[in-house]
Amino acid sequence: MTLPDALESFETLVPTGRPLVVFLDFDGTLAPIVDRPEDARLAPGMGDVLARLVGRMPVALVSGRDLADLKGRTAIGDLVHAGSHGYAIEGSGLHHEVGAEFLPDLDRVEAALRASLDEGGGFQVERKRFAVAVHFRRAGPGGEAAAVRAVADALKDQPRLKATEGKMIREIRPVLDWHKGSAVRWLLDRWRAERRDAPFPVFIGDDVTDEDAIRALGQDGLGIMVGDVPFETQAKAKLDDVDAVRAFLERLAG
């Protein structure tokens, strides 16, 4: 699918005279993808751009990362953080959380995965508050197949949990009708209620898990994908990489 470049088409994609609200993924959008998730950092200059943006309009990070982890990497003014794919939202006077009843189920799955996968052999089991992730970027040939098998085995007799997939990751989450798109809608409802003029929402992400958020914008919004897009997307434009994201946000910040 060929998408227009969001920088080249900025004037036609972003309306003038309307307030904006901005939603951003973290990994692959604000921070380059790295082998170990704990090593991820904001790209150079990105923190300054975010601070300027937050000073002008509502901005939320909507990430699969745990809320505490996300906040620790992006503690910027009134920035809103929606961690664990939106299960936990906090910032700028807002607070919302769903899914606490699933924590014991996730504890059991985490233990099963740690027992079955060789974390010294390139696999990494990451426990988040509302999810358990298996990273296999460093596992070599056969790593993905082994991760898929381990996740399937761990989910046996766990009807309240489900597996999802992303870039070099399999993740187990609650069977709950809540995702990045739900968090975006929750925030949009509140930000729209605060404003006389309906704000124009922008979402920038890089993975298939961001599609729910892009769909939540509806037709009156702008979804942007970063990098290669090997899946069907509802995005209206693309950006080549994290550096292009920074340049786009600089234009939004004015």
C-alpha atoms as a PDB file:
ATOM      1  CA  MET A   1       0.000   0.000   0.000  1.00  0.00           C
ATOM      2  CA  THR A   2       1.464   3.354  -1.066  1.00  0.00           C
ATOM      3  CA  LEU A   3       0.965   6.179   1.411  1.00  0.00           C
ATOM      4  CA  PRO A   4       1.851   9.853   0.931  1.00  0.00           C
ATOM      5  CA  ASP A   5       4.784  11.221   2.889  1.00  0.00           C
ATOM      6  CA  ALA A   6       3.422  13.171   5.871  1.00  0.00           C
ATOM      7  CA  LEU A   7       6.164  15.803   5.684  1.00  0.00           C
ATOM      8  CA  GLU A   8       5.755  16.425   1.973  1.00  0.00           C
ATOM      9  CA  SER A   9       1.948  16.545   2.328  1.00  0.00           C
ATOM     10  CA  PHE A  10       1.836  18.417   5.642  1.00  0.00           C
ATOM     11  CA  GLU A  11      -0.307  21.331   4.428  1.00  0.00           C
ATOM     12  CA  THR A  12      -2.971  19.069   2.948  1.00  0.00           C
ATOM     13  CA  LEU A  13      -3.030  16.605   5.859  1.00  0.00           C
ATOM     14  CA  VAL A  14      -3.090  18.976   8.847  1.00  0.00           C
ATOM     15  CA  PRO A  15      -5.946  21.493   8.894  1.00  0.00           C
ATOM     16  CA  THR A  16      -5.274  25.107   9.795  1.00  0.00           C
ATOM     17  CA  GLY A  17      -7.423  26.971  12.277  1.00  0.00           C
ATOM     18  CA  ARG A  18      -8.367  23.922  14.353  1.00  0.00           C
ATOM     19  CA  PRO A  19      -6.925  22.870  17.699  1.00  0.00           C
ATOM     20  CA  LEU A  20      -4.878  19.672  17.601  1.00  0.00           C
ATOM     21  CA  VAL A  21      -4.487  16.729  19.966  1.00  0.00           C
ATOM     22  CA  VAL A  22      -1.592  14.337  19.405  1.00  0.00           C
ATOM     23  CA  PHE A  23      -1.171  10.645  20.247  1.00  0.00           C
ATOM     24  CA  LEU A  24       2.214   8.961  19.886  1.00  0.00           C
ATOM     25  CA  ASP A  25       3.613   5.477  20.177  1.00  0.00           C
ATOM     26  CA  PHE A  26       7.069   5.196  21.792  1.00  0.00           C
ATOM     27  CA  ASP A  27       9.222   2.402  20.350  1.00  0.00           C
ATOM     28  CA  GLY A  28       9.903   2.871  16.655  1.00  0.00           C
ATOM     29  CA  THR A  29       8.202   6.272  16.727  1.00  0.00           C
ATOM     30  CA  LEU A  30       9.928   8.446  19.322  1.00  0.00           C
ATOM     31  CA  ALA A  31      12.772   6.037  20.067  1.00  0.00           C
ATOM     32  CA  PRO A  32      14.706   3.821  17.638  1.00  0.00           C
ATOM     33  CA  ILE A  33      14.040   0.084  17.887  1.00  0.00           C
ATOM     34  CA  VAL A  34      16.799  -1.674  19.855  1.00  0.00           C
ATOM     35  CA  ASP A  35      17.554  -5.321  20.613  1.00  0.00           C
ATOM     36  CA  ARG A  36      16.743  -5.000  24.322  1.00  0.00           C
ATOM     37  CA  PRO A  37      13.645  -2.961  25.249  1.00  0.00           C
ATOM     38  CA  GLU A  38      15.291  -1.669  28.420  1.00  0.00           C
ATOM     39  CA  ASP A  39      17.933   0.074  26.278  1.00  0.00           C
ATOM     40  CA  ALA A  40      15.440   2.244  24.365  1.00  0.00           C
ATOM     41  CA  ARG A  41      15.835   6.014  24.681  1.00  0.00           C
ATOM     42  CA  LEU A  42      14.180   9.024  23.087  1.00  0.00           C
ATOM     43  CA  ALA A  43      15.922   9.981  19.856  1.00  0.00           C
ATOM     44  CA  PRO A  44      18.248  13.006  20.113  1.00  0.00           C
ATOM     45  CA  GLY A  45      16.252  16.222  20.254  1.00  0.00           C
ATOM     46  CA  MET A  46      12.927  14.415  20.681  1.00  0.00           C
ATOM     47  CA  GLY A  47      12.497  15.429  24.323  1.00  0.00           C
ATOM     48  CA  ASP A  48      12.808  19.126  23.466  1.00  0.00           C
ATOM     49  CA  VAL A  49      10.276  18.805  20.652  1.00  0.00           C
ATOM     50  CA  LEU A  50       7.823  16.981  22.929  1.00  0.00           C
ATOM     51  CA  ALA A  51       8.177  19.674  25.593  1.00  0.00           C
ATOM     52  CA  ARG A  52       7.336  22.360  23.031  1.00  0.00           C
ATOM     53  CA  LEU A  53       4.406  20.327  21.728  1.00  0.00           C
ATOM     54  CA  VAL A  54       2.981  19.716  25.216  1.00  0.00           C
ATOM     55  CA  GLY A  55       3.128  23.464  25.817  1.00  0.00           C
ATOM     56  CA  ARG A  56       0.835  24.052  22.850  1.00  0.00           C
ATOM     57  CA  MET A  57      -1.642  21.153  22.769  1.00  0.00           C
ATOM     58  CA  PRO A  58      -2.692  17.951  24.588  1.00  0.00           C
ATOM     59  CA  VAL A  59      -0.240  15.124  23.899  1.00  0.00           C
ATOM     60  CA  ALA A  60      -0.500  11.479  24.980  1.00  0.00           C
ATOM     61  CA  LEU A  61       1.923   8.599  24.618  1.00  0.00           C
ATOM     62  CA  VAL A  62       0.021   5.373  23.925  1.00  0.00           C
ATOM     63  CA  SER A  63       2.412   2.456  24.232  1.00  0.00           C
ATOM     64  CA  GLY A  64       2.624  -1.232  24.961  1.00  0.00           C
ATOM     65  CA  ARG A  65       5.210  -0.428  27.605  1.00  0.00           C
ATOM     66  CA  ASP A  66       4.282  -0.603  31.249  1.00  0.00           C
ATOM     67  CA  LEU A  67       3.059   2.738  32.611  1.00  0.00           C
ATOM     68  CA  ALA A  68       5.922   3.162  35.089  1.00  0.00           C
ATOM     69  CA  ASP A  69       8.481   2.283  32.414  1.00  0.00           C
ATOM     70  CA  LEU A  70       6.960   4.735  29.941  1.00  0.00           C
ATOM     71  CA  LYS A  71       6.831   7.567  32.475  1.00  0.00           C
ATOM     72  CA  GLY A  72      10.438   6.952  33.456  1.00  0.00           C
ATOM     73  CA  ARG A  73      11.573   7.496  29.871  1.00  0.00           C
ATOM     74  CA  THR A  74       9.398  10.517  29.079  1.00  0.00           C
ATOM     75  CA  ALA A  75       8.776  12.634  32.189  1.00  0.00           C
ATOM     76  CA  ILE A  76       7.758  15.831  30.409  1.00  0.00           C
ATOM     77  CA  GLY A  77       5.371  18.411  31.875  1.00  0.00           C
ATOM     78  CA  ASP A  78       1.690  17.687  31.249  1.00  0.00           C
ATOM     79  CA  LEU A  79       2.376  14.764  28.921  1.00  0.00           C
ATOM     80  CA  VAL A  80      -0.269  12.035  29.354  1.00  0.00           C
ATOM     81  CA  HIS A  81       0.982   8.443  29.517  1.00  0.00           C
ATOM     82  CA  ALA A  82      -1.183   5.483  28.475  1.00  0.00           C
ATOM     83  CA  GLY A  83       0.794   2.328  29.228  1.00  0.00           C
ATOM     84  CA  SER A  84       0.145  -1.372  28.634  1.00  0.00           C
ATOM     85  CA  HIS A  85      -1.752  -0.629  25.406  1.00  0.00           C
ATOM     86  CA  GLY A  86      -3.931   1.841  27.272  1.00  0.00           C
ATOM     87  CA  TYR A  87      -4.837  -0.258  30.314  1.00  0.00           C
ATOM     88  CA  ALA A  88      -3.326   2.396  32.596  1.00  0.00           C
ATOM     89  CA  ILE A  89      -3.680   6.125  31.835  1.00  0.00           C
ATOM     90  CA  GLU A  90      -2.155   8.893  33.909  1.00  0.00           C
ATOM     91  CA  GLY A  91      -1.099  12.509  33.566  1.00  0.00           C
ATOM     92  CA  SER A  92      -2.358  16.082  33.303  1.00  0.00           C
ATOM     93  CA  GLY A  93      -4.984  15.423  35.995  1.00  0.00           C
ATOM     94  CA  LEU A  94      -6.288  12.248  34.346  1.00  0.00           C
ATOM     95  CA  HIS A  95      -6.292   8.712  35.742  1.00  0.00           C
ATOM     96  CA  HIS A  96      -7.901   5.521  34.453  1.00  0.00           C
ATOM     97  CA  GLU A  97      -7.112   1.825  34.867  1.00  0.00           C
ATOM     98  CA  VAL A  98      -8.718  -1.415  33.711  1.00  0.00           C
ATOM     99  CA  GLY A  99      -7.851  -5.098  34.065  1.00  0.00           C
ATOM    100  CA  ALA A 100      -6.657  -5.499  37.666  1.00  0.00           C
ATOM    101  CA  GLU A 101      -8.760  -8.665  38.046  1.00  0.00           C
ATOM    102  CA  PHE A 102      -6.512 -10.439  35.519  1.00  0.00           C
ATOM    103  CA  LEU A 103      -3.248 -10.011  37.437  1.00  0.00           C
ATOM    104  CA  PRO A 104      -3.228 -13.533  39.000  1.00  0.00           C
ATOM    105  CA  ASP A 105      -3.744 -15.089  35.546  1.00  0.00           C
ATOM    106  CA  LEU A 106      -0.795 -13.111  34.201  1.00  0.00           C
ATOM    107  CA  ASP A 107       1.346 -14.198  37.149  1.00  0.00           C
ATOM    108  CA  ARG A 108       0.761 -17.852  36.245  1.00  0.00           C
ATOM    109  CA  VAL A 109       1.545 -17.322  32.568  1.00  0.00           C
ATOM    110  CA  GLU A 110       4.718 -15.409  33.389  1.00  0.00           C
ATOM    111  CA  ALA A 111       5.973 -18.292  35.541  1.00  0.00           C
ATOM    112  CA  ALA A 112       5.200 -20.815  32.794  1.00  0.00           C
ATOM    113  CA  LEU A 113       7.050 -18.810  30.144  1.00  0.00           C
ATOM    114  CA  ARG A 114      10.120 -18.279  32.305  1.00  0.00           C
ATOM    115  CA  ALA A 115      10.243 -22.026  32.933  1.00  0.00           C
ATOM    116  CA  SER A 116       9.932 -22.967  29.254  1.00  0.00           C
ATOM    117  CA  LEU A 117      12.099 -20.392  27.449  1.00  0.00           C
ATOM    118  CA  ASP A 118      15.878 -20.055  27.607  1.00  0.00           C
ATOM    119  CA  GLU A 119      16.305 -16.383  28.473  1.00  0.00           C
ATOM    120  CA  GLY A 120      20.047 -16.806  28.072  1.00  0.00           C
ATOM    121  CA  GLY A 121      19.537 -17.995  24.511  1.00  0.00           C
ATOM    122  CA  GLY A 122      18.136 -14.806  23.048  1.00  0.00           C
ATOM    123  CA  PHE A 123      14.591 -14.895  24.412  1.00  0.00           C
ATOM    124  CA  GLN A 124      13.393 -12.277  26.862  1.00  0.00           C
ATOM    125  CA  VAL A 125      10.269 -12.616  28.989  1.00  0.00           C
ATOM    126  CA  GLU A 126       9.104  -9.172  30.054  1.00  0.00           C
ATOM    127  CA  ARG A 127       6.427  -8.766  32.709  1.00  0.00           C
ATOM    128  CA  LYS A 128       4.323  -5.675  32.478  1.00  0.00           C
ATOM    129  CA  ARG A 129       1.522  -4.922  34.896  1.00  0.00           C
ATOM    130  CA  PHE A 130      -1.189  -5.936  32.419  1.00  0.00           C
ATOM    131  CA  ALA A 131       0.705  -8.150  29.976  1.00  0.00           C
ATOM    132  CA  VAL A 132       3.530 -10.642  29.572  1.00  0.00           C
ATOM    133  CA  ALA A 133       5.738 -10.171  26.516  1.00  0.00           C
ATOM    134  CA  VAL A 134       8.123 -12.592  24.829  1.00  0.00           C
ATOM    135  CA  HIS A 135      10.834 -10.850  22.801  1.00  0.00           C
ATOM    136  CA  PHE A 136      12.689 -13.008  20.281  1.00  0.00           C
ATOM    137  CA  ARG A 137      14.629 -10.414  18.258  1.00  0.00           C
ATOM    138  CA  ARG A 138      17.950 -11.913  19.449  1.00  0.00           C
ATOM    139  CA  ALA A 139      16.862 -15.575  19.393  1.00  0.00           C
ATOM    140  CA  GLY A 140      18.094 -16.339  15.877  1.00  0.00           C
ATOM    141  CA  PRO A 141      16.549 -18.727  13.320  1.00  0.00           C
ATOM    142  CA  GLY A 142      13.578 -20.583  14.729  1.00  0.00           C
ATOM    143  CA  GLY A 143      13.129 -18.041  17.498  1.00  0.00           C
ATOM    144  CA  GLU A 144       9.701 -16.899  16.402  1.00  0.00           C
ATOM    145  CA  ALA A 145       8.380 -20.459  16.063  1.00  0.00           C
ATOM    146  CA  ALA A 146       9.703 -21.343  19.521  1.00  0.00           C
ATOM    147  CA  ALA A 147       8.119 -18.231  21.026  1.00  0.00           C
ATOM    148  CA  VAL A 148       4.768 -19.019  19.407  1.00  0.00           C
ATOM    149  CA  ARG A 149       4.851 -22.573  20.789  1.00  0.00           C
ATOM    150  CA  ALA A 150       5.790 -21.391  24.276  1.00  0.00           C
ATOM    151  CA  VAL A 151       3.006 -18.821  24.311  1.00  0.00           C
ATOM    152  CA  ALA A 152       0.445 -21.379  23.093  1.00  0.00           C
ATOM    153  CA  ASP A 153       1.508 -23.838  25.799  1.00  0.00           C
ATOM    154  CA  ALA A 154       1.358 -21.160  28.497  1.00  0.00           C
ATOM    155  CA  LEU A 155      -2.174 -20.225  27.450  1.00  0.00           C
ATOM    156  CA  LYS A 156      -3.557 -23.736  27.878  1.00  0.00           C
ATOM    157  CA  ASP A 157      -6.204 -23.631  30.610  1.00  0.00           C
ATOM    158  CA  GLN A 158      -6.023 -19.811  30.616  1.00  0.00           C
ATOM    159  CA  PRO A 159      -9.308 -18.814  28.937  1.00  0.00           C
ATOM    160  CA  ARG A 160      -9.167 -15.268  30.338  1.00  0.00           C
ATOM    161  CA  LEU A 161      -5.967 -14.436  28.426  1.00  0.00           C
ATOM    162  CA  LYS A 162      -5.096 -14.112  24.729  1.00  0.00           C
ATOM    163  CA  ALA A 163      -1.991 -13.841  22.550  1.00  0.00           C
ATOM    164  CA  THR A 164      -1.246 -10.879  20.290  1.00  0.00           C
ATOM    165  CA  GLU A 165       1.660 -10.202  17.968  1.00  0.00           C
ATOM    166  CA  GLY A 166       3.881  -7.307  16.999  1.00  0.00           C
ATOM    167  CA  LYS A 167       7.342  -6.680  15.583  1.00  0.00           C
ATOM    168  CA  MET A 168       9.576  -9.488  16.916  1.00  0.00           C
ATOM    169  CA  ILE A 169       7.300  -9.954  19.920  1.00  0.00           C
ATOM    170  CA  ARG A 170       4.412 -12.091  21.151  1.00  0.00           C
ATOM    171  CA  GLU A 171       2.376 -10.710  23.994  1.00  0.00           C
ATOM    172  CA  ILE A 172      -0.221 -12.179  26.330  1.00  0.00           C
ATOM    173  CA  ARG A 173      -2.979  -9.867  27.499  1.00  0.00           C
ATOM    174  CA  PRO A 174      -6.395 -10.148  29.144  1.00  0.00           C
ATOM    175  CA  VAL A 175      -9.401 -11.099  27.034  1.00  0.00           C
ATOM    176  CA  LEU A 176     -10.871  -7.661  27.501  1.00  0.00           C
ATOM    177  CA  ASP A 177     -12.360  -5.235  25.010  1.00  0.00           C
ATOM    178  CA  TRP A 178      -9.761  -2.589  25.730  1.00  0.00           C
ATOM    179  CA  HIS A 179      -6.749  -1.609  23.621  1.00  0.00           C
ATOM    180  CA  LYS A 180      -4.875   1.421  22.304  1.00  0.00           C
ATOM    181  CA  GLY A 181      -7.970   2.536  20.421  1.00  0.00           C
ATOM    182  CA  SER A 182     -10.054   2.395  23.596  1.00  0.00           C
ATOM    183  CA  ALA A 183      -7.531   4.621  25.371  1.00  0.00           C
ATOM    184  CA  VAL A 184      -7.514   7.077  22.472  1.00  0.00           C
ATOM    185  CA  ARG A 185     -11.333   7.285  22.508  1.00  0.00           C
ATOM    186  CA  TRP A 186     -11.350   7.742  26.304  1.00  0.00           C
ATOM    187  CA  LEU A 187      -8.900  10.629  26.061  1.00  0.00           C
ATOM    188  CA  LEU A 188     -10.608  12.169  23.036  1.00  0.00           C
ATOM    189  CA  ASP A 189     -13.950  12.225  24.848  1.00  0.00           C
ATOM    190  CA  ARG A 190     -12.399  14.209  27.683  1.00  0.00           C
ATOM    191  CA  TRP A 191     -10.406  16.591  25.535  1.00  0.00           C
ATOM    192  CA  ARG A 192     -13.373  17.256  23.261  1.00  0.00           C
ATOM    193  CA  ALA A 193     -15.559  18.041  26.279  1.00  0.00           C
ATOM    194  CA  GLU A 194     -13.047  20.686  27.395  1.00  0.00           C
ATOM    195  CA  ARG A 195     -13.040  22.563  24.086  1.00  0.00           C
ATOM    196  CA  ARG A 196     -15.583  24.598  22.167  1.00  0.00           C
ATOM    197  CA  ASP A 197     -13.997  23.740  18.814  1.00  0.00           C
ATOM    198  CA  ALA A 198     -13.641  20.033  18.044  1.00  0.00           C
ATOM    199  CA  PRO A 199      -9.923  19.185  18.066  1.00  0.00           C
ATOM    200  CA  PHE A 200      -8.277  17.388  15.157  1.00  0.00           C
ATOM    201  CA  PRO A 201      -6.582  14.191  16.401  1.00  0.00           C
ATOM    202  CA  VAL A 202      -3.246  12.920  15.077  1.00  0.00           C
ATOM    203  CA  PHE A 203      -1.782   9.496  15.861  1.00  0.00           C
ATOM    204  CA  ILE A 204       1.718   8.329  14.899  1.00  0.00           C
ATOM    205  CA  GLY A 205       2.797   4.703  15.358  1.00  0.00           C
ATOM    206  CA  ASP A 206       4.801   1.973  13.678  1.00  0.00           C
ATOM    207  CA  ASP A 207       3.211  -1.408  14.395  1.00  0.00           C
ATOM    208  CA  VAL A 208       0.056  -3.399  13.751  1.00  0.00           C
ATOM    209  CA  THR A 209      -0.953  -2.849  17.401  1.00  0.00           C
ATOM    210  CA  ASP A 210      -1.356   0.841  16.524  1.00  0.00           C
ATOM    211  CA  GLU A 211      -4.138   0.128  14.044  1.00  0.00           C
ATOM    212  CA  ASP A 212      -6.771   0.130  16.814  1.00  0.00           C
ATOM    213  CA  ALA A 213      -5.700   3.658  17.739  1.00  0.00           C
ATOM    214  CA  ILE A 214      -5.793   4.862  14.140  1.00  0.00           C
ATOM    215  CA  ARG A 215      -9.297   3.431  13.660  1.00  0.00           C
ATOM    216  CA  ALA A 216     -10.422   5.239  16.822  1.00  0.00           C
ATOM    217  CA  LEU A 217      -9.681   8.594  15.183  1.00  0.00           C
ATOM    218  CA  GLY A 218     -12.416   8.063  12.615  1.00  0.00           C
ATOM    219  CA  GLN A 219     -12.412   9.965   9.330  1.00  0.00           C
ATOM    220  CA  ASP A 220     -11.887  13.292  11.070  1.00  0.00           C
ATOM    221  CA  GLY A 221      -8.323  12.552  12.104  1.00  0.00           C
ATOM    222  CA  LEU A 222      -4.873  11.699  10.798  1.00  0.00           C
ATOM    223  CA  GLY A 223      -3.174   8.350  11.312  1.00  0.00           C
ATOM    224  CA  ILE A 224       0.491   8.093  10.326  1.00  0.00           C
ATOM    225  CA  MET A 225       2.653   4.965  10.112  1.00  0.00           C
ATOM    226  CA  VAL A 226       6.439   5.014  10.547  1.00  0.00           C
ATOM    227  CA  GLY A 227       8.799   2.899   8.436  1.00  0.00           C
ATOM    228  CA  ASP A 228       7.790  -0.149   6.442  1.00  0.00           C
ATOM    229  CA  VAL A 229       4.111  -1.135   6.634  1.00  0.00           C
ATOM    230  CA  PRO A 230       3.833  -4.858   5.751  1.00  0.00           C
ATOM    231  CA  PHE A 231       0.153  -5.012   6.753  1.00  0.00           C
ATOM    232  CA  GLU A 232      -3.162  -3.406   5.821  1.00  0.00           C
ATOM    233  CA  THR A 233      -3.428  -0.035   7.500  1.00  0.00           C
ATOM    234  CA  GLN A 234      -6.022   2.682   8.018  1.00  0.00           C
ATOM    235  CA  ALA A 235      -3.244   5.285   8.139  1.00  0.00           C
ATOM    236  CA  LYS A 236      -3.485   8.189   5.702  1.00  0.00           C
ATOM    237  CA  ALA A 237       0.248   8.912   5.501  1.00  0.00           C
ATOM    238  CA  LYS A 238       3.700   7.642   6.427  1.00  0.00           C
ATOM    239  CA  LEU A 239       7.012   8.859   7.796  1.00  0.00           C
ATOM    240  CA  ASP A 240      10.286   7.159   6.941  1.00  0.00           C
ATOM    241  CA  ASP A 241      11.843   6.899  10.400  1.00  0.00           C
ATOM    242  CA  VAL A 242      12.202   8.409  13.872  1.00  0.00           C
ATOM    243  CA  ASP A 243      14.094  11.418  12.497  1.00  0.00           C
ATOM    244  CA  ALA A 244      11.182  12.142  10.174  1.00  0.00           C
ATOM    245  CA  VAL A 245       8.798  11.880  13.141  1.00  0.00           C
ATOM    246  CA  ARG A 246      10.831  14.518  14.975  1.00  0.00           C
ATOM    247  CA  ALA A 247      10.708  16.807  11.927  1.00  0.00           C
ATOM    248  CA  PHE A 248       6.933  16.346  11.641  1.00  0.00           C
ATOM    249  CA  LEU A 249       6.401  17.110  15.338  1.00  0.00           C
ATOM    250  CA  GLU A 250       8.580  20.209  15.005  1.00  0.00           C
ATOM    251  CA  ARG A 251       6.197  21.474  12.337  1.00  0.00           C
ATOM    252  CA  LEU A 252       3.195  20.722  14.554  1.00  0.00           C
ATOM    253  CA  ALA A 253       4.838  22.605  17.428  1.00  0.00           C
ATOM    254  CA  GLY A 254       5.353  25.639  15.185  1.00  0.00           C
END
